[in-house]
């Protein structure tokens, strides 16, 4: 196969995803996407007429986030009309999938220049209900009556799934709080040292006024004592009746795991933050790189997708990591840095334990617990973060993966180009 080179990666700061509280909440999702699309083209002096496609990820495709955001945002960003665009949904995993699809198009020889990325305005989608957003499902997925509850693979609330996995694995509250605390401390250090500055693009309004130029969600004042005082978030949600028969989120899991006693460990301090954000990654063929004299920052080594139990929903990252390593002919010792999205603390904690990874090589600049998780954009953000950190430390390879609703995980291995 031909090479797929990553030329650059940019992202917005993440704004608090609550109407009236977040600095980005009043903005149109299309404008947020256009901000990063415009920036990545301008700072790499790309003729947008050369862009074969814009592959975009948005999980909640309704209203302002509907109507093929990839194409509309590219037009908003001033891209040449010859540059096509499409939008996909793999729930939380879409930001990685967009990059993987772009790389596949380039590696197959079908296209030479693709922009991949994603946008999610969680402040805008708040009307769907925080419980449905956290579940990654939404009202349409739950359906009416029993049509989505009486299925072969019952799918519960992601937070309840996180608690179920922690209960199964014997991972207690203290370990999960410790991971959440560490995420805040690592993010605070990264911000103080300017580790995100290379990729961060300020967001301006239509008049050119900057509305956000730094991360808005982190809480560096977090303490272990403070985390220990927080009440679990999903205990009450677990037992809310979902239909006339009294089916609950807990009951959906116990339908498949009848002997599992689900205890509750996750709360706002060890779960991912609700935020707004966008990111873009520029991918080019070797032919295009040589013709235009571009300097790649990284190359795509291998990508993979993996499915796992939809009822537990969050366990696919470990098998996805193993699969992409096997496909690449690599071992975990060949990977210098790891990014596993902190959807809930148990996801990252189980990933570290199952793969027996050194903690100082995983999420070294914090994760979604501290920085937030703009669903469709997060995977592209993590890939950019990985490239920045490989460059900063002078390391070679990184692996990025994340769980997604429905029991899935995409994965990608990238290698720094010196």
Protein backbone atom coordinates (compact mmCIF):
# COMPACT_ATOMS: atom_id res chain seq x y z
CA UNK A 1 0.00 0.00 0.00
CA UNK A 2 0.98 3.61 -0.51
CA UNK A 3 1.80 5.81 2.46
CA UNK A 4 -0.72 8.13 4.12
CA UNK A 5 1.05 11.09 5.67
CA UNK A 6 -0.37 13.36 8.34
CA UNK A 7 0.69 16.87 7.40
CA UNK A 8 -0.87 18.71 10.30
CA UNK A 9 -3.55 18.63 12.99
CA UNK A 10 -5.44 21.48 14.61
CA UNK A 11 -8.29 21.86 17.08
CA UNK A 12 -10.32 24.40 18.96
CA UNK A 13 -10.15 24.78 22.73
CA UNK A 14 -12.94 22.85 24.40
CA UNK A 15 -15.71 25.00 25.81
CA UNK A 16 -18.09 23.99 28.61
CA UNK A 17 -21.00 22.28 26.89
CA UNK A 18 -23.82 24.02 28.70
CA UNK A 19 -26.07 26.70 27.29
CA UNK A 20 -25.45 29.98 29.07
CA UNK A 21 -22.19 28.78 30.66
CA UNK A 22 -19.87 27.73 27.84
CA UNK A 23 -18.06 30.33 25.74
CA UNK A 24 -18.81 28.43 22.52
CA UNK A 25 -22.42 27.51 23.32
CA UNK A 26 -23.90 30.39 21.31
CA UNK A 27 -21.98 29.52 18.17
CA UNK A 28 -23.19 27.52 15.18
CA UNK A 29 -21.58 24.05 14.89
CA UNK A 30 -20.83 24.82 11.25
CA UNK A 31 -18.79 27.88 12.27
CA UNK A 32 -16.80 25.81 14.77
CA UNK A 33 -15.98 23.23 12.10
CA UNK A 34 -15.16 25.95 9.58
CA UNK A 35 -12.71 27.48 12.06
CA UNK A 36 -10.44 24.43 12.05
CA UNK A 37 -10.95 23.70 8.35
CA UNK A 38 -9.87 27.22 7.44
CA UNK A 39 -6.91 27.15 9.83
CA UNK A 40 -5.48 23.86 8.59
CA UNK A 41 -5.67 24.98 4.96
CA UNK A 42 -4.17 28.41 5.59
CA UNK A 43 -1.28 27.42 7.81
CA UNK A 44 -0.21 24.71 5.35
CA UNK A 45 -0.79 26.90 2.27
CA UNK A 46 -3.11 24.31 0.74
CA UNK A 47 -5.01 25.00 -2.47
CA UNK A 48 -8.43 23.78 -1.31
CA UNK A 49 -9.25 22.89 -4.91
CA UNK A 50 -6.83 20.00 -4.40
CA UNK A 51 -8.77 18.61 -1.43
CA UNK A 52 -10.45 15.46 -2.72
CA UNK A 53 -12.77 15.11 0.26
CA UNK A 54 -13.58 16.37 3.73
CA UNK A 55 -14.52 13.42 5.94
CA UNK A 56 -16.22 14.68 9.07
CA UNK A 57 -17.54 13.10 12.25
CA UNK A 58 -20.61 14.32 14.14
CA UNK A 59 -22.52 11.98 16.38
CA UNK A 60 -25.74 13.90 16.89
CA UNK A 61 -26.73 14.76 13.32
CA UNK A 62 -29.87 16.80 13.84
CA UNK A 63 -30.86 20.42 13.43
CA UNK A 64 -27.82 22.65 13.18
CA UNK A 65 -25.54 19.60 13.32
CA UNK A 66 -27.40 17.86 10.50
CA UNK A 67 -27.26 18.32 6.75
CA UNK A 68 -23.74 17.00 6.06
CA UNK A 69 -21.67 19.27 8.29
CA UNK A 70 -18.45 18.26 6.50
CA UNK A 71 -19.55 19.74 3.20
CA UNK A 72 -21.33 22.78 4.62
CA UNK A 73 -18.47 23.71 6.95
CA UNK A 74 -15.94 23.42 4.11
CA UNK A 75 -17.99 25.87 2.06
CA UNK A 76 -18.28 28.14 5.11
CA UNK A 77 -14.49 27.99 5.47
CA UNK A 78 -14.05 29.23 1.90
CA UNK A 79 -12.96 25.93 0.39
CA UNK A 80 -13.07 25.57 -3.37
CA UNK A 81 -16.44 24.17 -4.46
CA UNK A 82 -14.61 21.23 -6.06
CA UNK A 83 -13.71 19.98 -2.58
CA UNK A 84 -16.35 17.44 -1.64
CA UNK A 85 -17.48 16.55 1.88
CA UNK A 86 -19.28 13.87 3.86
CA UNK A 87 -20.26 13.27 7.48
CA UNK A 88 -20.24 10.02 9.44
CA UNK A 89 -21.30 8.71 12.83
CA UNK A 90 -19.58 6.05 14.93
CA UNK A 91 -20.76 7.61 18.17
CA UNK A 92 -17.69 8.48 20.31
CA UNK A 93 -15.33 6.75 17.87
CA UNK A 94 -16.16 8.90 14.86
CA UNK A 95 -13.18 11.25 15.17
CA UNK A 96 -10.73 8.35 14.82
CA UNK A 97 -12.84 6.72 12.11
CA UNK A 98 -12.84 9.89 9.99
CA UNK A 99 -9.04 9.89 10.01
CA UNK A 100 -8.91 6.14 9.37
CA UNK A 101 -11.24 6.46 6.37
CA UNK A 102 -9.18 9.35 5.00
CA UNK A 103 -5.97 7.36 5.41
CA UNK A 104 -7.53 4.35 3.69
CA UNK A 105 -8.55 6.47 0.69
CA UNK A 106 -5.02 7.81 0.36
CA UNK A 107 -3.30 4.47 0.97
CA UNK A 108 -5.49 2.80 -1.66
CA UNK A 109 -4.45 5.41 -4.22
CA UNK A 110 -8.01 6.66 -4.67
CA UNK A 111 -7.30 10.16 -3.32
CA UNK A 112 -4.27 12.36 -2.68
CA UNK A 113 -5.41 15.02 -0.21
CA UNK A 114 -8.12 14.62 2.42
CA UNK A 115 -9.11 16.60 5.50
CA UNK A 116 -10.62 14.52 8.31
CA UNK A 117 -12.02 15.62 11.63
CA UNK A 118 -15.14 16.25 13.61
CA UNK A 119 -17.37 18.61 15.55
CA UNK A 120 -19.71 18.20 18.49
CA UNK A 121 -21.63 21.00 20.19
CA UNK A 122 -22.89 19.24 23.29
CA UNK A 123 -24.39 22.50 24.51
CA UNK A 124 -26.63 22.43 21.43
CA UNK A 125 -27.68 18.81 21.84
CA UNK A 126 -28.49 19.19 25.55
CA UNK A 127 -32.20 19.12 24.77
CA UNK A 128 -31.88 15.40 24.09
CA UNK A 129 -31.28 14.87 27.78
CA UNK A 130 -27.94 14.36 29.52
CA UNK A 131 -28.73 10.72 30.22
CA UNK A 132 -29.29 9.93 26.54
CA UNK A 133 -26.19 11.84 25.49
CA UNK A 134 -24.06 9.95 28.02
CA UNK A 135 -25.52 6.69 26.75
CA UNK A 136 -24.53 7.63 23.22
CA UNK A 137 -27.98 6.52 22.09
CA UNK A 138 -30.66 9.20 22.11
CA UNK A 139 -34.43 9.11 21.99
CA UNK A 140 -34.62 7.55 18.54
CA UNK A 141 -32.43 4.65 19.61
CA UNK A 142 -34.51 3.96 22.71
CA UNK A 143 -37.68 4.06 20.63
CA UNK A 144 -41.15 3.80 22.07
CA UNK A 145 -42.45 0.92 24.12
CA UNK A 146 -40.32 -2.21 24.01
CA UNK A 147 -38.95 -2.05 20.46
CA UNK A 148 -35.39 -1.20 21.59
CA UNK A 149 -35.53 -2.83 25.01
CA UNK A 150 -36.52 -6.32 23.90
CA UNK A 151 -33.50 -7.07 21.75
CA UNK A 152 -30.80 -9.73 21.50
CA UNK A 153 -28.18 -7.34 22.80
CA UNK A 154 -29.77 -4.97 25.32
CA UNK A 155 -27.93 -1.65 25.40
CA UNK A 156 -27.92 0.26 28.64
CA UNK A 157 -26.74 3.69 29.78
CA UNK A 158 -22.96 4.16 29.35
CA UNK A 159 -22.50 5.39 32.91
CA UNK A 160 -24.28 2.35 34.29
CA UNK A 161 -22.16 0.21 31.96
CA UNK A 162 -19.05 1.82 33.41
CA UNK A 163 -20.20 0.98 36.92
CA UNK A 164 -21.05 -2.57 35.83
CA UNK A 165 -17.57 -3.12 34.37
CA UNK A 166 -15.91 -1.74 37.50
CA UNK A 167 -18.06 -4.09 39.60
CA UNK A 168 -17.14 -7.05 37.38
CA UNK A 169 -13.44 -6.24 37.39
CA UNK A 170 -13.15 -5.42 41.08
CA UNK A 171 -11.93 -1.89 40.32
CA UNK A 172 -12.92 0.26 43.27
CA UNK A 173 -13.83 3.89 43.80
CA UNK A 174 -10.37 4.94 45.03
CA UNK A 175 -8.61 3.70 41.89
CA UNK A 176 -11.14 5.46 39.66
CA UNK A 177 -10.88 8.69 41.63
CA UNK A 178 -7.09 8.47 41.45
CA UNK A 179 -7.22 8.23 37.66
CA UNK A 180 -9.56 11.23 37.56
CA UNK A 181 -7.29 13.24 39.84
CA UNK A 182 -4.21 12.34 37.80
CA UNK A 183 -5.99 13.42 34.61
CA UNK A 184 -6.58 16.87 36.08
CA UNK A 185 -2.99 17.22 37.26
CA UNK A 186 -1.49 16.08 33.96
CA UNK A 187 -3.76 18.41 32.00
CA UNK A 188 -2.87 21.34 34.25
CA UNK A 189 0.84 20.69 33.69
CA UNK A 190 0.38 20.35 29.94
CA UNK A 191 -1.50 23.64 29.76
CA UNK A 192 1.04 25.45 31.94
CA UNK A 193 3.91 24.19 29.78
CA UNK A 194 2.16 25.08 26.51
CA UNK A 195 2.05 21.50 25.24
CA UNK A 196 -1.22 22.10 23.38
CA UNK A 197 -0.24 25.43 21.86
CA UNK A 198 0.96 24.09 18.52
CA UNK A 199 -2.44 22.65 17.62
CA UNK A 200 -4.78 25.06 19.40
CA UNK A 201 -6.76 27.44 17.16
CA UNK A 202 -8.65 30.31 18.86
CA UNK A 203 -12.32 30.59 17.99
CA UNK A 204 -13.52 34.01 16.81
CA UNK A 205 -17.01 35.26 16.08
CA UNK A 206 -18.18 36.63 12.74
CA UNK A 207 -16.74 40.05 13.61
CA UNK A 208 -13.29 38.66 14.38
CA UNK A 209 -13.58 38.90 18.16
CA UNK A 210 -11.95 35.98 19.99
CA UNK A 211 -14.54 34.10 22.03
CA UNK A 212 -12.32 31.29 23.32
CA UNK A 213 -8.56 30.75 23.13
CA UNK A 214 -7.91 28.33 26.00
CA UNK A 215 -9.35 25.20 27.57
CA UNK A 216 -12.47 26.01 29.58
CA UNK A 217 -13.31 22.75 31.31
CA UNK A 218 -10.26 21.69 33.43
CA UNK A 219 -10.45 21.89 37.21
CA UNK A 220 -6.83 21.90 38.41
CA UNK A 221 -7.99 22.59 41.98
CA UNK A 222 -9.37 19.04 42.16
CA UNK A 223 -8.26 17.00 45.18
CA UNK A 224 -8.65 13.34 46.07
CA UNK A 225 -10.56 14.41 49.16
CA UNK A 226 -12.99 16.44 47.06
CA UNK A 227 -13.51 13.59 44.63
CA UNK A 228 -14.21 11.25 47.51
CA UNK A 229 -17.09 13.46 48.65
CA UNK A 230 -18.97 13.32 45.33
CA UNK A 231 -22.08 11.17 45.12
CA UNK A 232 -22.17 8.53 42.35
CA UNK A 233 -23.99 9.94 39.33
CA UNK A 234 -25.69 6.86 37.92
CA UNK A 235 -27.29 5.09 40.88
CA UNK A 236 -30.67 6.79 40.42
CA UNK A 237 -30.57 6.68 36.63
CA UNK A 238 -29.94 2.93 36.78
CA UNK A 239 -33.37 2.26 38.26
CA UNK A 240 -35.58 4.70 36.33
CA UNK A 241 -38.34 2.74 34.49
CA UNK A 242 -37.91 2.98 30.72
CA UNK A 243 -41.19 1.39 29.67
CA UNK A 244 -44.56 0.30 31.02
CA UNK A 245 -43.09 -3.04 32.07
CA UNK A 246 -40.62 -1.32 34.40
CA UNK A 247 -37.47 -2.17 32.44
CA UNK A 248 -34.48 -0.23 33.78
CA UNK A 249 -30.90 0.41 32.67
CA UNK A 250 -29.77 -1.89 35.47
CA UNK A 251 -32.26 -4.50 34.33
CA UNK A 252 -30.97 -4.36 30.75
CA UNK A 253 -27.50 -5.36 31.96
CA UNK A 254 -28.81 -7.93 34.42
CA UNK A 255 -30.86 -9.50 31.64
CA UNK A 256 -27.55 -10.68 30.17
CA UNK A 257 -25.56 -10.82 33.43
CA UNK A 258 -28.16 -11.93 36.00
CA UNK A 259 -25.67 -12.57 38.81
CA UNK A 260 -23.91 -9.21 38.52
CA UNK A 261 -24.42 -6.87 41.46
CA UNK A 262 -23.81 -3.43 39.97
CA UNK A 263 -22.22 -1.04 42.43
CA UNK A 264 -21.86 2.64 41.61
CA UNK A 265 -18.49 4.36 41.42
CA UNK A 266 -18.58 6.99 38.67
CA UNK A 267 -19.42 10.64 39.12
CA UNK A 268 -18.64 14.01 37.53
CA UNK A 269 -15.06 13.92 38.78
CA UNK A 270 -14.07 10.59 37.20
CA UNK A 271 -16.20 10.73 34.03
CA UNK A 272 -15.64 12.66 30.81
CA UNK A 273 -16.68 16.29 30.62
CA UNK A 274 -19.55 17.63 28.51
CA UNK A 275 -17.97 20.15 26.11
CA UNK A 276 -18.06 21.77 22.67
CA UNK A 277 -15.16 21.40 20.24
CA UNK A 278 -13.84 20.67 16.75
CA UNK A 279 -10.65 19.29 15.21
CA UNK A 280 -9.15 18.71 11.76
CA UNK A 281 -6.35 16.47 10.46
CA UNK A 282 -4.72 16.95 7.03
CA UNK A 283 -3.71 13.73 5.23
CA UNK A 284 -1.80 13.50 1.96
CA UNK A 285 -0.28 10.91 -0.34
CA UNK A 286 3.45 10.60 -0.90
CA UNK A 287 2.92 11.81 -4.46
CA UNK A 288 1.18 14.99 -3.30
CA UNK A 289 3.77 15.60 -0.59
CA UNK A 290 6.59 15.47 -3.13
CA UNK A 291 4.78 17.59 -5.72
CA UNK A 292 3.99 20.37 -3.24
CA UNK A 293 7.11 20.15 -1.09
CA UNK A 294 5.14 19.48 2.09
CA UNK A 295 6.79 18.26 5.29
CA UNK A 296 4.77 15.46 6.93
CA UNK A 297 4.63 15.29 10.70
CA UNK A 298 3.61 11.63 10.89
CA UNK A 299 2.49 8.65 8.87
CA UNK A 300 -0.36 6.23 9.43
CA UNK A 301 1.05 2.78 10.23
CA UNK A 302 -2.17 0.80 10.65
CA UNK A 303 -5.84 1.16 11.54
CA UNK A 304 -8.41 -1.29 12.84
CA UNK A 305 -11.98 -1.58 14.09
CA UNK A 306 -13.28 -3.90 16.78
CA UNK A 307 -16.66 -4.84 18.17
CA UNK A 308 -17.33 -6.19 21.66
CA UNK A 309 -20.30 -6.82 23.93
CA UNK A 310 -22.94 -4.10 23.23
CA UNK A 311 -24.48 -4.64 26.66
CA UNK A 312 -21.31 -3.68 28.52
CA UNK A 313 -20.57 -1.29 25.67
CA UNK A 314 -17.17 0.07 26.84
CA UNK A 315 -14.84 -2.93 26.59
CA UNK A 316 -13.73 -2.86 22.94
CA UNK A 317 -10.56 -0.68 23.26
CA UNK A 318 -8.35 -3.49 24.59
CA UNK A 319 -9.18 -5.96 21.78
CA UNK A 320 -8.98 -3.08 19.28
CA UNK A 321 -5.47 -2.24 20.47
CA UNK A 322 -4.42 -5.88 20.24
CA UNK A 323 -5.90 -6.18 16.76
CA UNK A 324 -4.21 -3.09 15.34
CA UNK A 325 -0.87 -4.17 16.84
CA UNK A 326 -1.18 -7.63 15.29
CA UNK A 327 -2.13 -6.19 11.90
CA UNK A 328 0.90 -3.89 12.06
CA UNK A 329 3.24 -6.71 13.12
CA UNK A 330 4.10 -4.82 16.30
CA UNK A 331 4.04 -5.54 20.02
CA UNK A 332 3.04 -3.21 22.82
CA UNK A 333 6.75 -2.64 23.48
CA UNK A 334 6.99 -0.97 20.05
CA UNK A 335 4.53 1.72 21.16
CA UNK A 336 6.01 4.75 22.92
CA UNK A 337 2.79 6.57 23.86
CA UNK A 338 -0.86 5.58 24.26
CA UNK A 339 -4.07 7.60 24.14
CA UNK A 340 -7.21 5.92 25.47
CA UNK A 341 -10.22 8.20 25.76
CA UNK A 342 -11.34 8.69 29.34
CA UNK A 343 -15.04 8.26 28.67
CA UNK A 344 -15.23 6.94 32.21
CA UNK A 345 -12.29 6.25 34.50
CA UNK A 346 -12.86 2.49 34.36
CA UNK A 347 -12.24 2.48 30.58
CA UNK A 348 -8.72 3.85 30.94
CA UNK A 349 -8.00 1.95 34.16
CA UNK A 350 -9.01 -1.40 32.66
CA UNK A 351 -7.04 -0.62 29.48
CA UNK A 352 -3.88 0.04 31.49
CA UNK A 353 -4.33 -3.07 33.63
CA UNK A 354 -5.30 -5.48 30.85
CA UNK A 355 -2.38 -4.47 28.62
CA UNK A 356 0.00 -4.04 31.58
CA UNK A 357 1.08 -0.59 30.40
CA UNK A 358 3.40 1.85 32.17
CA UNK A 359 1.20 4.66 33.45
CA UNK A 360 3.69 7.34 32.50
CA UNK A 361 3.13 6.43 28.82
CA UNK A 362 -0.67 6.62 28.84
CA UNK A 363 -2.62 9.90 28.43
CA UNK A 364 0.45 11.83 29.48
CA UNK A 365 -1.29 15.19 29.07
CA UNK A 366 -4.52 14.23 30.75
CA UNK A 367 -7.70 13.12 29.08
CA UNK A 368 -11.41 13.70 28.71
CA UNK A 369 -12.03 13.67 32.47
CA UNK A 370 -10.04 16.89 32.73
CA UNK A 371 -10.41 18.34 29.23
CA UNK A 372 -13.83 17.11 28.10
CA UNK A 373 -15.18 14.82 25.40
CA UNK A 374 -16.83 16.52 22.38
CA UNK A 375 -18.16 13.20 21.09
CA UNK A 376 -17.58 13.29 17.31
CA UNK A 377 -14.42 15.42 17.55
CA UNK A 378 -12.52 13.69 20.34
CA UNK A 379 -10.76 11.02 18.28
CA UNK A 380 -9.30 13.61 15.91
CA UNK A 381 -8.24 15.72 18.89
CA UNK A 382 -6.42 12.75 20.41
CA UNK A 383 -4.55 12.05 17.17
CA UNK A 384 -3.33 15.64 17.07
CA UNK A 385 -2.37 15.48 20.75
CA UNK A 386 -0.42 12.29 20.04
CA UNK A 387 1.54 13.89 17.19
CA UNK A 388 2.40 16.92 19.31
CA UNK A 389 3.63 14.76 22.17
CA UNK A 390 5.67 12.39 19.99
CA UNK A 391 7.41 15.47 18.61
CA UNK A 392 7.90 17.06 22.01
CA UNK A 393 9.53 13.95 23.46
CA UNK A 394 11.30 12.88 20.27
CA UNK A 395 9.53 9.50 20.31
CA UNK A 396 8.51 7.29 17.42
CA UNK A 397 5.09 5.58 17.63
CA UNK A 398 1.75 6.15 19.29
CA UNK A 399 -1.51 4.21 19.48
CA UNK A 400 -4.89 5.92 19.85
CA UNK A 401 -8.18 4.17 20.60
CA UNK A 402 -11.49 4.77 22.33
CA UNK A 403 -14.75 3.08 23.22
CA UNK A 404 -17.94 3.86 21.34
CA UNK A 405 -21.61 3.16 21.96
CA UNK A 406 -22.85 -0.13 20.61
CA UNK A 407 -19.74 -1.86 21.94
CA UNK A 408 -17.16 -0.69 19.39
CA UNK A 409 -13.65 0.77 19.22
CA UNK A 410 -11.61 2.11 16.30
CA UNK A 411 -7.83 2.27 16.67
CA UNK A 412 -4.90 3.83 14.84
CA UNK A 413 -1.12 3.59 15.10
CA UNK A 414 0.87 6.58 13.89
CA UNK A 415 4.61 7.08 13.51
CA UNK A 416 6.46 10.38 13.72
CA UNK A 417 8.29 11.48 10.58
CA UNK A 418 11.64 13.05 11.41
